[in-house]
PDB file of N, CA and C in Angstrom:
ATOM      1  N   UNK A   1      99.954 127.427 -19.784  1.00  0.00           N
ATOM      2  CA  UNK A   1      99.995 126.173 -20.466  1.00  0.00           C
ATOM      3  C   UNK A   1     100.717 126.371 -21.804  1.00  0.00           C
ATOM      4  N   UNK A   2     101.342 125.216 -22.209  1.00  0.00           N
ATOM      5  CA  UNK A   2     102.000 125.202 -23.535  1.00  0.00           C
ATOM      6  C   UNK A   2     101.608 123.961 -24.272  1.00  0.00           C
ATOM      7  N   UNK A   3     101.667 124.113 -25.628  1.00  0.00           N
ATOM      8  CA  UNK A   3     101.460 123.044 -26.549  1.00  0.00           C
ATOM      9  C   UNK A   3     102.823 122.652 -27.087  1.00  0.00           C
ATOM     10  N   UNK A   4     103.203 121.408 -27.052  1.00  0.00           N
ATOM     11  CA  UNK A   4     104.392 120.978 -27.690  1.00  0.00           C
ATOM     12  C   UNK A   4     104.048 120.155 -28.846  1.00  0.00           C
ATOM     13  N   UNK A   5     104.631 120.502 -30.022  1.00  0.00           N
ATOM     14  CA  UNK A   5     104.598 119.683 -31.272  1.00  0.00           C
ATOM     15  C   UNK A   5     105.986 119.057 -31.459  1.00  0.00           C
ATOM     16  N   UNK A   6     106.054 117.766 -31.240  1.00  0.00           N
ATOM     17  CA  UNK A   6     107.274 117.027 -31.181  1.00  0.00           C
ATOM     18  C   UNK A   6     107.381 116.194 -32.480  1.00  0.00           C
ATOM     19  N   UNK A   7     108.384 116.463 -33.275  1.00  0.00           N
ATOM     20  CA  UNK A   7     108.505 115.619 -34.527  1.00  0.00           C
ATOM     21  C   UNK A   7     109.714 114.770 -34.334  1.00  0.00           C
ATOM     22  N   UNK A   8     109.566 113.434 -34.455  1.00  0.00           N
ATOM     23  CA  UNK A   8     110.625 112.514 -34.168  1.00  0.00           C
ATOM     24  C   UNK A   8     110.654 111.372 -35.235  1.00  0.00           C
ATOM     25  N   UNK A   9     111.717 110.648 -35.217  1.00  0.00           N
ATOM     26  CA  UNK A   9     111.864 109.456 -36.104  1.00  0.00           C
ATOM     27  C   UNK A   9     110.786 108.388 -35.672  1.00  0.00           C
ATOM     28  N   UNK A  10     110.308 107.734 -36.675  1.00  0.00           N
ATOM     29  CA  UNK A  10     109.336 106.698 -36.420  1.00  0.00           C
ATOM     30  C   UNK A  10     109.786 105.670 -35.335  1.00  0.00           C
ATOM     31  N   UNK A  11     111.058 105.334 -35.409  1.00  0.00           N
ATOM     32  CA  UNK A  11     111.544 104.260 -34.560  1.00  0.00           C
ATOM     33  C   UNK A  11     111.838 104.786 -33.148  1.00  0.00           C
ATOM     34  N   UNK A  12     111.697 106.064 -32.898  1.00  0.00           N
ATOM     35  CA  UNK A  12     111.896 106.605 -31.547  1.00  0.00           C
ATOM     36  C   UNK A  12     110.619 107.030 -30.785  1.00  0.00           C
ATOM     37  N   UNK A  13     109.493 106.888 -31.554  1.00  0.00           N
ATOM     38  CA  UNK A  13     108.199 107.384 -30.984  1.00  0.00           C
ATOM     39  C   UNK A  13     107.816 106.621 -29.681  1.00  0.00           C
ATOM     40  N   UNK A  14     108.016 105.334 -29.613  1.00  0.00           N
ATOM     41  CA  UNK A  14     107.742 104.596 -28.357  1.00  0.00           C
ATOM     42  C   UNK A  14     108.445 105.087 -27.156  1.00  0.00           C
ATOM     43  N   UNK A  15     109.795 105.401 -27.379  1.00  0.00           N
ATOM     44  CA  UNK A  15     110.615 105.956 -26.312  1.00  0.00           C
ATOM     45  C   UNK A  15     110.084 107.266 -25.811  1.00  0.00           C
ATOM     46  N   UNK A  16     109.694 108.124 -26.781  1.00  0.00           N
ATOM     47  CA  UNK A  16     109.152 109.432 -26.453  1.00  0.00           C
ATOM     48  C   UNK A  16     107.783 109.296 -25.650  1.00  0.00           C
ATOM     49  N   UNK A  17     106.961 108.383 -26.072  1.00  0.00           N
ATOM     50  CA  UNK A  17     105.719 108.204 -25.355  1.00  0.00           C
ATOM     51  C   UNK A  17     105.984 107.737 -23.979  1.00  0.00           C
ATOM     52  N   UNK A  18     106.937 106.799 -23.747  1.00  0.00           N
ATOM     53  CA  UNK A  18     107.271 106.337 -22.358  1.00  0.00           C
ATOM     54  C   UNK A  18     107.886 107.477 -21.551  1.00  0.00           C
ATOM     55  N   UNK A  19     108.684 108.315 -22.220  1.00  0.00           N
ATOM     56  CA  UNK A  19     109.212 109.536 -21.512  1.00  0.00           C
ATOM     57  C   UNK A  19     108.169 110.409 -20.997  1.00  0.00           C
ATOM     58  N   UNK A  20     107.160 110.722 -21.933  1.00  0.00           N
ATOM     59  CA  UNK A  20     106.082 111.546 -21.601  1.00  0.00           C
ATOM     60  C   UNK A  20     105.263 111.013 -20.417  1.00  0.00           C
ATOM     61  N   UNK A  21     104.996 109.697 -20.467  1.00  0.00           N
ATOM     62  CA  UNK A  21     104.282 109.046 -19.320  1.00  0.00           C
ATOM     63  C   UNK A  21     105.054 109.219 -18.014  1.00  0.00           C
ATOM     64  N   UNK A  22     106.436 109.056 -18.120  1.00  0.00           N
ATOM     65  CA  UNK A  22     107.263 109.232 -16.903  1.00  0.00           C
ATOM     66  C   UNK A  22     107.249 110.610 -16.375  1.00  0.00           C
ATOM     67  N   UNK A  23     106.905 111.582 -17.123  1.00  0.00           N
ATOM     68  CA  UNK A  23     106.837 112.966 -16.605  1.00  0.00           C
ATOM     69  C   UNK A  23     105.377 113.326 -16.174  1.00  0.00           C
ATOM     70  N   UNK A  24     104.523 112.316 -16.331  1.00  0.00           N
ATOM     71  CA  UNK A  24     103.134 112.542 -15.846  1.00  0.00           C
ATOM     72  C   UNK A  24     102.140 113.053 -16.912  1.00  0.00           C
ATOM     73  N   UNK A  25     102.522 112.848 -18.137  1.00  0.00           N
ATOM     74  CA  UNK A  25     101.677 113.261 -19.252  1.00  0.00           C
ATOM     75  C   UNK A  25     101.333 112.125 -20.202  1.00  0.00           C
ATOM     76  N   UNK A  26     100.431 111.218 -19.826  1.00  0.00           N
ATOM     77  CA  UNK A  26     100.100 110.118 -20.689  1.00  0.00           C
ATOM     78  C   UNK A  26      99.207 110.399 -21.841  1.00  0.00           C
ATOM     79  N   UNK A  27      98.454 111.540 -21.790  1.00  0.00           N
ATOM     80  CA  UNK A  27      97.573 111.881 -22.883  1.00  0.00           C
ATOM     81  C   UNK A  27      98.240 112.688 -23.929  1.00  0.00           C
ATOM     82  N   UNK A  28      98.137 112.181 -25.219  1.00  0.00           N
ATOM     83  CA  UNK A  28      98.778 112.811 -26.313  1.00  0.00           C
ATOM     84  C   UNK A  28      98.114 112.472 -27.610  1.00  0.00           C
ATOM     85  N   UNK A  29      98.436 113.099 -28.686  1.00  0.00           N
ATOM     86  CA  UNK A  29      97.972 112.830 -30.007  1.00  0.00           C
ATOM     87  C   UNK A  29      99.178 112.497 -30.875  1.00  0.00           C
ATOM     88  N   UNK A  30      99.093 111.548 -31.781  1.00  0.00           N
ATOM     89  CA  UNK A  30     100.151 111.204 -32.701  1.00  0.00           C
ATOM     90  C   UNK A  30      99.676 111.143 -34.170  1.00  0.00           C
ATOM     91  N   UNK A  31     100.425 111.702 -35.048  1.00  0.00           N
ATOM     92  CA  UNK A  31     100.170 111.680 -36.410  1.00  0.00           C
ATOM     93  C   UNK A  31     101.323 111.245 -37.236  1.00  0.00           C
ATOM     94  N   UNK A  32     101.031 110.526 -38.288  1.00  0.00           N
ATOM     95  CA  UNK A  32     102.125 110.241 -39.241  1.00  0.00           C
ATOM     96  C   UNK A  32     102.283 111.312 -40.241  1.00  0.00           C
ATOM     97  N   UNK A  33     103.545 111.772 -40.466  1.00  0.00           N
ATOM     98  CA  UNK A  33     103.827 112.806 -41.378  1.00  0.00           C
ATOM     99  C   UNK A  33     105.045 112.472 -42.229  1.00  0.00           C
ATOM    100  N   UNK A  34     105.277 113.263 -43.169  1.00  0.00           N
ATOM    101  CA  UNK A  34     106.583 113.112 -43.990  1.00  0.00           C
ATOM    102  C   UNK A  34     107.196 114.487 -44.028  1.00  0.00           C
ATOM    103  N   UNK A  35     108.454 114.541 -44.081  1.00  0.00           N
ATOM    104  CA  UNK A  35     109.108 115.891 -44.165  1.00  0.00           C
ATOM    105  C   UNK A  35     110.632 115.725 -44.277  1.00  0.00           C
ATOM    106  N   UNK A  36     111.298 116.882 -44.303  1.00  0.00           N
ATOM    107  CA  UNK A  36     112.730 116.778 -44.411  1.00  0.00           C
ATOM    108  C   UNK A  36     113.262 118.131 -43.765  1.00  0.00           C
ATOM    109  N   UNK A  37     114.477 118.013 -43.269  1.00  0.00           N
ATOM    110  CA  UNK A  37     115.114 119.189 -42.665  1.00  0.00           C
ATOM    111  C   UNK A  37     116.290 119.587 -43.542  1.00  0.00           C
ATOM    112  N   UNK A  38     117.358 119.858 -42.873  1.00  0.00           N
ATOM    113  CA  UNK A  38     118.597 120.271 -43.635  1.00  0.00           C
ATOM    114  C   UNK A  38     119.134 119.151 -44.420  1.00  0.00           C
ATOM    115  N   UNK A  39     118.872 117.912 -44.018  1.00  0.00           N
ATOM    116  CA  UNK A  39     119.488 116.777 -44.804  1.00  0.00           C
ATOM    117  C   UNK A  39     118.898 116.601 -46.134  1.00  0.00           C
ATOM    118  N   UNK A  40     117.724 117.225 -46.486  1.00  0.00           N
ATOM    119  CA  UNK A  40     117.197 117.172 -47.812  1.00  0.00           C
ATOM    120  C   UNK A  40     116.892 115.800 -48.322  1.00  0.00           C
ATOM    121  N   UNK A  41     116.350 114.958 -47.429  1.00  0.00           N
ATOM    122  CA  UNK A  41     116.102 113.582 -47.821  1.00  0.00           C
ATOM    123  C   UNK A  41     117.350 112.674 -47.801  1.00  0.00           C
ATOM    124  N   UNK A  42     117.228 111.501 -48.367  1.00  0.00           N
ATOM    125  CA  UNK A  42     118.336 110.534 -48.428  1.00  0.00           C
ATOM    126  C   UNK A  42     118.477 109.978 -49.782  1.00  0.00           C
ATOM    127  N   UNK A  43     119.700 109.515 -50.103  1.00  0.00           N
ATOM    128  CA  UNK A  43     119.953 108.840 -51.341  1.00  0.00           C
ATOM    129  C   UNK A  43     120.159 107.384 -51.093  1.00  0.00           C
ATOM    130  N   UNK A  44     119.472 106.532 -51.829  1.00  0.00           N
ATOM    131  CA  UNK A  44     119.399 105.070 -51.614  1.00  0.00           C
ATOM    132  C   UNK A  44     119.836 104.431 -52.932  1.00  0.00           C
ATOM    133  N   UNK A  45     120.314 103.154 -52.806  1.00  0.00           N
ATOM    134  CA  UNK A  45     120.626 102.289 -53.921  1.00  0.00           C
ATOM    135  C   UNK A  45     119.690 101.112 -54.042  1.00  0.00           C
ATOM    136  N   UNK A  46     119.149 100.897 -55.207  1.00  0.00           N
ATOM    137  CA  UNK A  46     118.250  99.704 -55.417  1.00  0.00           C
ATOM    138  C   UNK A  46     118.518  99.149 -56.731  1.00  0.00           C
ATOM    139  N   UNK A  47     118.837  97.846 -56.801  1.00  0.00           N
ATOM    140  CA  UNK A  47     119.244  97.144 -58.029  1.00  0.00           C
ATOM    141  C   UNK A  47     120.170  97.950 -58.931  1.00  0.00           C
ATOM    142  N   UNK A  48     121.206  98.481 -58.188  1.00  0.00           N
ATOM    143  CA  UNK A  48     122.342  99.125 -58.991  1.00  0.00           C
ATOM    144  C   UNK A  48     122.014 100.572 -59.311  1.00  0.00           C
ATOM    145  N   UNK A  49     120.826 101.032 -59.066  1.00  0.00           N
ATOM    146  CA  UNK A  49     120.457 102.412 -59.400  1.00  0.00           C
ATOM    147  C   UNK A  49     120.366 103.266 -58.121  1.00  0.00           C
ATOM    148  N   UNK A  50     120.733 104.574 -58.332  1.00  0.00           N
ATOM    149  CA  UNK A  50     120.600 105.469 -57.258  1.00  0.00           C
ATOM    150  C   UNK A  50     119.321 106.294 -57.401  1.00  0.00           C
ATOM    151  N   UNK A  51     118.638 106.502 -56.228  1.00  0.00           N
ATOM    152  CA  UNK A  51     117.520 107.369 -56.247  1.00  0.00           C
ATOM    153  C   UNK A  51     117.401 108.148 -54.948  1.00  0.00           C
ATOM    154  N   UNK A  52     116.708 109.252 -54.957  1.00  0.00           N
ATOM    155  CA  UNK A  52     116.638 110.123 -53.803  1.00  0.00           C
ATOM    156  C   UNK A  52     115.173 109.980 -53.267  1.00  0.00           C
ATOM    157  N   UNK A  53     115.163 109.854 -51.924  1.00  0.00           N
ATOM    158  CA  UNK A  53     113.863 109.882 -51.241  1.00  0.00           C
ATOM    159  C   UNK A  53     113.762 111.338 -50.617  1.00  0.00           C
ATOM    160  N   UNK A  54     113.000 112.201 -51.237  1.00  0.00           N
ATOM    161  CA  UNK A  54     112.974 113.592 -50.809  1.00  0.00           C
ATOM    162  C   UNK A  54     112.333 113.845 -49.411  1.00  0.00           C
ATOM    163  N   UNK A  55     111.340 113.085 -48.991  1.00  0.00           N
ATOM    164  CA  UNK A  55     110.690 113.305 -47.779  1.00  0.00           C
ATOM    165  C   UNK A  55     110.720 111.987 -46.917  1.00  0.00           C
ATOM    166  N   UNK A  56     111.089 112.081 -45.686  1.00  0.00           N
ATOM    167  CA  UNK A  56     111.256 110.939 -44.785  1.00  0.00           C
ATOM    168  C   UNK A  56     110.010 110.771 -43.928  1.00  0.00           C
ATOM    169  N   UNK A  57     109.645 109.558 -43.514  1.00  0.00           N
ATOM    170  CA  UNK A  57     108.489 109.356 -42.637  1.00  0.00           C
ATOM    171  C   UNK A  57     108.902 109.726 -41.270  1.00  0.00           C
ATOM    172  N   UNK A  58     108.062 110.475 -40.561  1.00  0.00           N
ATOM    173  CA  UNK A  58     108.233 110.908 -39.187  1.00  0.00           C
ATOM    174  C   UNK A  58     106.930 110.753 -38.444  1.00  0.00           C
ATOM    175  N   UNK A  59     106.990 110.942 -37.109  1.00  0.00           N
ATOM    176  CA  UNK A  59     105.814 110.978 -36.271  1.00  0.00           C
ATOM    177  C   UNK A  59     105.767 112.341 -35.586  1.00  0.00           C
ATOM    178  N   UNK A  60     104.541 112.902 -35.544  1.00  0.00           N
ATOM    179  CA  UNK A  60     104.321 114.145 -34.837  1.00  0.00           C
ATOM    180  C   UNK A  60     103.472 113.820 -33.652  1.00  0.00           C
ATOM    181  N   UNK A  61     104.021 114.258 -32.457  1.00  0.00           N
ATOM    182  CA  UNK A  61     103.399 114.086 -31.199  1.00  0.00           C
ATOM    183  C   UNK A  61     102.935 115.386 -30.694  1.00  0.00           C
ATOM    184  N   UNK A  62     101.680 115.560 -30.252  1.00  0.00           N
ATOM    185  CA  UNK A  62     101.122 116.891 -29.755  1.00  0.00           C
ATOM    186  C   UNK A  62     100.694 116.553 -28.339  1.00  0.00           C
ATOM    187  N   UNK A  63     101.114 117.515 -27.490  1.00  0.00           N
ATOM    188  CA  UNK A  63     100.690 117.420 -26.031  1.00  0.00           C
ATOM    189  C   UNK A  63     100.634 118.785 -25.412  1.00  0.00           C
ATOM    190  N   UNK A  64      99.728 118.925 -24.473  1.00  0.00           N
ATOM    191  CA  UNK A  64      99.538 120.171 -23.725  1.00  0.00           C
ATOM    192  C   UNK A  64     100.197 119.911 -22.333  1.00  0.00           C
ATOM    193  N   UNK A  65     100.952 120.909 -21.839  1.00  0.00           N
ATOM    194  CA  UNK A  65     101.616 120.700 -20.515  1.00  0.00           C
ATOM    195  C   UNK A  65     101.451 121.983 -19.763  1.00  0.00           C
ATOM    196  N   UNK A  66     101.660 121.829 -18.413  1.00  0.00           N
ATOM    197  CA  UNK A  66     101.674 123.040 -17.498  1.00  0.00           C
ATOM    198  C   UNK A  66     102.990 123.700 -17.654  1.00  0.00           C
ATOM    199  N   UNK A  67     102.973 125.015 -17.415  1.00  0.00           N
ATOM    200  CA  UNK A  67     104.248 125.841 -17.597  1.00  0.00           C
ATOM    201  C   UNK A  67     105.346 125.289 -16.663  1.00  0.00           C
ATOM    202  N   UNK A  68     105.040 124.917 -15.401  1.00  0.00           N
ATOM    203  CA  UNK A  68     105.982 124.472 -14.485  1.00  0.00           C
ATOM    204  C   UNK A  68     106.690 123.266 -14.929  1.00  0.00           C
ATOM    205  N   UNK A  69     106.092 122.452 -15.786  1.00  0.00           N
ATOM    206  CA  UNK A  69     106.684 121.180 -16.295  1.00  0.00           C
ATOM    207  C   UNK A  69     107.455 121.220 -17.567  1.00  0.00           C
ATOM    208  N   UNK A  70     107.551 122.469 -18.186  1.00  0.00           N
ATOM    209  CA  UNK A  70     108.062 122.638 -19.435  1.00  0.00           C
ATOM    210  C   UNK A  70     109.491 122.105 -19.628  1.00  0.00           C
ATOM    211  N   UNK A  71     110.368 122.548 -18.840  1.00  0.00           N
ATOM    212  CA  UNK A  71     111.799 122.125 -18.910  1.00  0.00           C
ATOM    213  C   UNK A  71     111.949 120.602 -18.712  1.00  0.00           C
ATOM    214  N   UNK A  72     111.218 120.068 -17.708  1.00  0.00           N
ATOM    215  CA  UNK A  72     111.313 118.665 -17.438  1.00  0.00           C
ATOM    216  C   UNK A  72     110.852 117.866 -18.592  1.00  0.00           C
ATOM    217  N   UNK A  73     109.743 118.249 -19.194  1.00  0.00           N
ATOM    218  CA  UNK A  73     109.224 117.518 -20.402  1.00  0.00           C
ATOM    219  C   UNK A  73     110.081 117.614 -21.614  1.00  0.00           C
ATOM    220  N   UNK A  74     110.603 118.833 -21.913  1.00  0.00           N
ATOM    221  CA  UNK A  74     111.472 119.018 -23.010  1.00  0.00           C
ATOM    222  C   UNK A  74     112.711 118.175 -22.906  1.00  0.00           C
ATOM    223  N   UNK A  75     113.350 118.195 -21.660  1.00  0.00           N
ATOM    224  CA  UNK A  75     114.528 117.374 -21.437  1.00  0.00           C
ATOM    225  C   UNK A  75     114.258 115.849 -21.595  1.00  0.00           C
ATOM    226  N   UNK A  76     113.128 115.420 -21.082  1.00  0.00           N
ATOM    227  CA  UNK A  76     112.833 113.970 -21.216  1.00  0.00           C
ATOM    228  C   UNK A  76     112.693 113.605 -22.653  1.00  0.00           C
ATOM    229  N   UNK A  77     112.003 114.450 -23.468  1.00  0.00           N
ATOM    230  CA  UNK A  77     111.757 114.126 -24.878  1.00  0.00           C
ATOM    231  C   UNK A  77     113.105 114.146 -25.619  1.00  0.00           C
ATOM    232  N   UNK A  78     113.921 115.078 -25.357  1.00  0.00           N
ATOM    233  CA  UNK A  78     115.282 115.173 -26.009  1.00  0.00           C
ATOM    234  C   UNK A  78     116.073 113.866 -25.696  1.00  0.00           C
ATOM    235  N   UNK A  79     116.127 113.459 -24.428  1.00  0.00           N
ATOM    236  CA  UNK A  79     116.837 112.288 -24.042  1.00  0.00           C
ATOM    237  C   UNK A  79     116.298 111.038 -24.708  1.00  0.00           C
ATOM    238  N   UNK A  80     114.957 110.888 -24.856  1.00  0.00           N
ATOM    239  CA  UNK A  80     114.356 109.731 -25.457  1.00  0.00           C
ATOM    240  C   UNK A  80     114.444 109.723 -26.970  1.00  0.00           C
ATOM    241  N   UNK A  81     114.492 110.892 -27.630  1.00  0.00           N
ATOM    242  CA  UNK A  81     114.502 110.963 -29.127  1.00  0.00           C
ATOM    243  C   UNK A  81     115.811 111.025 -29.760  1.00  0.00           C
ATOM    244  N   UNK A  82     116.815 111.447 -28.989  1.00  0.00           N
ATOM    245  CA  UNK A  82     118.151 111.760 -29.617  1.00  0.00           C
ATOM    246  C   UNK A  82     118.907 110.459 -30.021  1.00  0.00           C
ATOM    247  N   UNK A  83     119.373 110.486 -31.226  1.00  0.00           N
ATOM    248  CA  UNK A  83     120.267 109.442 -31.681  1.00  0.00           C
ATOM    249  C   UNK A  83     121.635 109.992 -32.016  1.00  0.00           C
ATOM    250  N   UNK A  84     121.687 111.286 -32.166  1.00  0.00           N
ATOM    251  CA  UNK A  84     122.944 111.933 -32.588  1.00  0.00           C
ATOM    252  C   UNK A  84     123.121 112.069 -34.025  1.00  0.00           C
ATOM    253  N   UNK A  85     122.255 111.594 -34.809  1.00  0.00           N
ATOM    254  CA  UNK A  85     122.344 111.740 -36.252  1.00  0.00           C
ATOM    255  C   UNK A  85     121.351 112.748 -36.812  1.00  0.00           C
ATOM    256  N   UNK A  86     121.675 113.318 -38.001  1.00  0.00           N
ATOM    257  CA  UNK A  86     120.667 114.227 -38.584  1.00  0.00           C
ATOM    258  C   UNK A  86     119.334 113.593 -38.751  1.00  0.00           C
ATOM    259  N   UNK A  87     118.274 114.388 -38.509  1.00  0.00           N
ATOM    260  CA  UNK A  87     116.958 113.913 -38.705  1.00  0.00           C
ATOM    261  C   UNK A  87     116.299 113.420 -37.431  1.00  0.00           C
ATOM    262  N   UNK A  88     116.891 113.723 -36.224  1.00  0.00           N
ATOM    263  CA  UNK A  88     116.405 113.403 -34.955  1.00  0.00           C
ATOM    264  C   UNK A  88     115.069 114.051 -34.645  1.00  0.00           C
ATOM    265  N   UNK A  89     114.795 115.219 -35.226  1.00  0.00           N
ATOM    266  CA  UNK A  89     113.612 115.884 -35.049  1.00  0.00           C
ATOM    267  C   UNK A  89     113.634 117.263 -34.392  1.00  0.00           C
ATOM    268  N   UNK A  90     112.449 117.764 -34.010  1.00  0.00           N
ATOM    269  CA  UNK A  90     112.344 119.135 -33.440  1.00  0.00           C
ATOM    270  C   UNK A  90     111.257 119.153 -32.415  1.00  0.00           C
ATOM    271  N   UNK A  91     111.317 120.166 -31.495  1.00  0.00           N
ATOM    272  CA  UNK A  91     110.252 120.358 -30.542  1.00  0.00           C
ATOM    273  C   UNK A  91     109.816 121.803 -30.758  1.00  0.00           C
ATOM    274  N   UNK A  92     108.575 122.077 -31.081  1.00  0.00           N
ATOM    275  CA  UNK A  92     108.013 123.317 -31.158  1.00  0.00           C
ATOM    276  C   UNK A  92     107.196 123.688 -29.980  1.00  0.00           C
ATOM    277  N   UNK A  93     107.423 124.798 -29.278  1.00  0.00           N
ATOM    278  CA  UNK A  93     106.787 125.130 -28.082  1.00  0.00           C
ATOM    279  C   UNK A  93     105.881 126.396 -28.363  1.00  0.00           C
ATOM    280  N   UNK A  94     104.608 126.268 -28.063  1.00  0.00           N
ATOM    281  CA  UNK A  94     103.628 127.293 -28.333  1.00  0.00           C
ATOM    282  C   UNK A  94     102.819 127.593 -27.109  1.00  0.00           C
ATOM    283  N   UNK A  95     102.582 128.821 -26.705  1.00  0.00           N
ATOM    284  CA  UNK A  95     101.657 129.181 -25.589  1.00  0.00           C
ATOM    285  C   UNK A  95     100.214 128.811 -25.935  1.00  0.00           C
ATOM    286  N   UNK A  96      99.467 128.379 -24.978  1.00  0.00           N
ATOM    287  CA  UNK A  96      98.101 128.103 -25.206  1.00  0.00           C
ATOM    288  C   UNK A  96      97.234 129.047 -24.307  1.00  0.00           C
ATOM    289  N   UNK A  97      96.309 129.787 -24.975  1.00  0.00           N
ATOM    290  CA  UNK A  97      95.510 130.812 -24.310  1.00  0.00           C
ATOM    291  C   UNK A  97      94.409 130.178 -23.436  1.00  0.00           C
ATOM    292  N   UNK A  98      93.799 129.101 -23.925  1.00  0.00           N
ATOM    293  CA  UNK A  98      92.692 128.584 -23.232  1.00  0.00           C
ATOM    294  C   UNK A  98      92.463 127.137 -23.660  1.00  0.00           C
ATOM    295  N   UNK A  99      91.942 126.268 -22.860  1.00  0.00           N
ATOM    296  CA  UNK A  99      91.473 124.907 -23.198  1.00  0.00           C
ATOM    297  C   UNK A  99      90.143 124.756 -22.620  1.00  0.00           C
ATOM    298  N   UNK A 100      89.166 124.187 -23.371  1.00  0.00           N
ATOM    299  CA  UNK A 100      87.862 123.923 -22.987  1.00  0.00           C
ATOM    300  C   UNK A 100      87.500 122.437 -23.213  1.00  0.00           C
ATOM    301  N   UNK A 101      87.140 121.762 -22.120  1.00  0.00           N
ATOM    302  CA  UNK A 101      86.654 120.353 -22.274  1.00  0.00           C
ATOM    303  C   UNK A 101      85.111 120.456 -22.693  1.00  0.00           C
ATOM    304  N   UNK A 102      84.924 119.958 -23.907  1.00  0.00           N
ATOM    305  CA  UNK A 102      83.641 120.054 -24.553  1.00  0.00           C
ATOM    306  C   UNK A 102      82.523 119.386 -23.694  1.00  0.00           C
ATOM    307  N   UNK A 103      82.830 118.220 -23.116  1.00  0.00           N
ATOM    308  CA  UNK A 103      81.780 117.505 -22.374  1.00  0.00           C
ATOM    309  C   UNK A 103      81.270 118.284 -21.222  1.00  0.00           C
ATOM    310  N   UNK A 104      82.146 118.927 -20.435  1.00  0.00           N
ATOM    311  CA  UNK A 104      81.694 119.556 -19.180  1.00  0.00           C
ATOM    312  C   UNK A 104      81.802 121.063 -19.230  1.00  0.00           C
ATOM    313  N   UNK A 105      82.425 121.598 -20.220  1.00  0.00           N
ATOM    314  CA  UNK A 105      82.572 123.070 -20.301  1.00  0.00           C
ATOM    315  C   UNK A 105      83.748 123.560 -19.424  1.00  0.00           C
ATOM    316  N   UNK A 106      84.430 122.639 -18.712  1.00  0.00           N
ATOM    317  CA  UNK A 106      85.549 122.978 -17.920  1.00  0.00           C
ATOM    318  C   UNK A 106      86.658 123.795 -18.703  1.00  0.00           C
ATOM    319  N   UNK A 107      87.262 124.763 -18.146  1.00  0.00           N
ATOM    320  CA  UNK A 107      88.230 125.508 -18.782  1.00  0.00           C
ATOM    321  C   UNK A 107      89.547 125.532 -18.078  1.00  0.00           C
ATOM    322  N   UNK A 108      90.641 125.829 -18.839  1.00  0.00           N
ATOM    323  CA  UNK A 108      91.971 126.082 -18.254  1.00  0.00           C
ATOM    324  C   UNK A 108      92.664 124.756 -18.022  1.00  0.00           C
ATOM    325  N   UNK A 109      93.649 124.785 -17.059  1.00  0.00           N
ATOM    326  CA  UNK A 109      94.440 123.555 -16.803  1.00  0.00           C
ATOM    327  C   UNK A 109      93.570 122.364 -16.384  1.00  0.00           C
ATOM    328  N   UNK A 110      92.507 122.601 -15.773  1.00  0.00           N
ATOM    329  CA  UNK A 110      91.669 121.524 -15.356  1.00  0.00           C
ATOM    330  C   UNK A 110      91.086 120.764 -16.527  1.00  0.00           C
ATOM    331  N   UNK A 111      91.035 121.322 -17.648  1.00  0.00           N
ATOM    332  CA  UNK A 111      90.512 120.631 -18.854  1.00  0.00           C
ATOM    333  C   UNK A 111      91.573 119.811 -19.564  1.00  0.00           C
ATOM    334  N   UNK A 112      92.746 119.914 -19.178  1.00  0.00           N
ATOM    335  CA  UNK A 112      93.851 119.055 -19.797  1.00  0.00           C
ATOM    336  C   UNK A 112      93.561 117.727 -19.407  1.00  0.00           C
TER     337      UNK A 112
END
């Protein structure tokens, strides 16, 4: 099993959710976050003055998937989230040692 932490633009999160549903993974967690990558924020103009927004709003999607679905899910997320511009996001892939469903005590992939 793997845990994917997917950081995407706020305006692309619905497309990512639909892509995950399409790969058979409708269950997920979403968090609102702020951050920046290599673009170091953005510069804006307001009433003739320039100012820098150092951290941009993003969404973080977390999902557990089976090993055999890893490439399919990653490719679906990339296709859904990509705009081709800086700030499209990242996918972090981490192995998961165990999962336990609290209600039943079920373990492993069956607990996903």
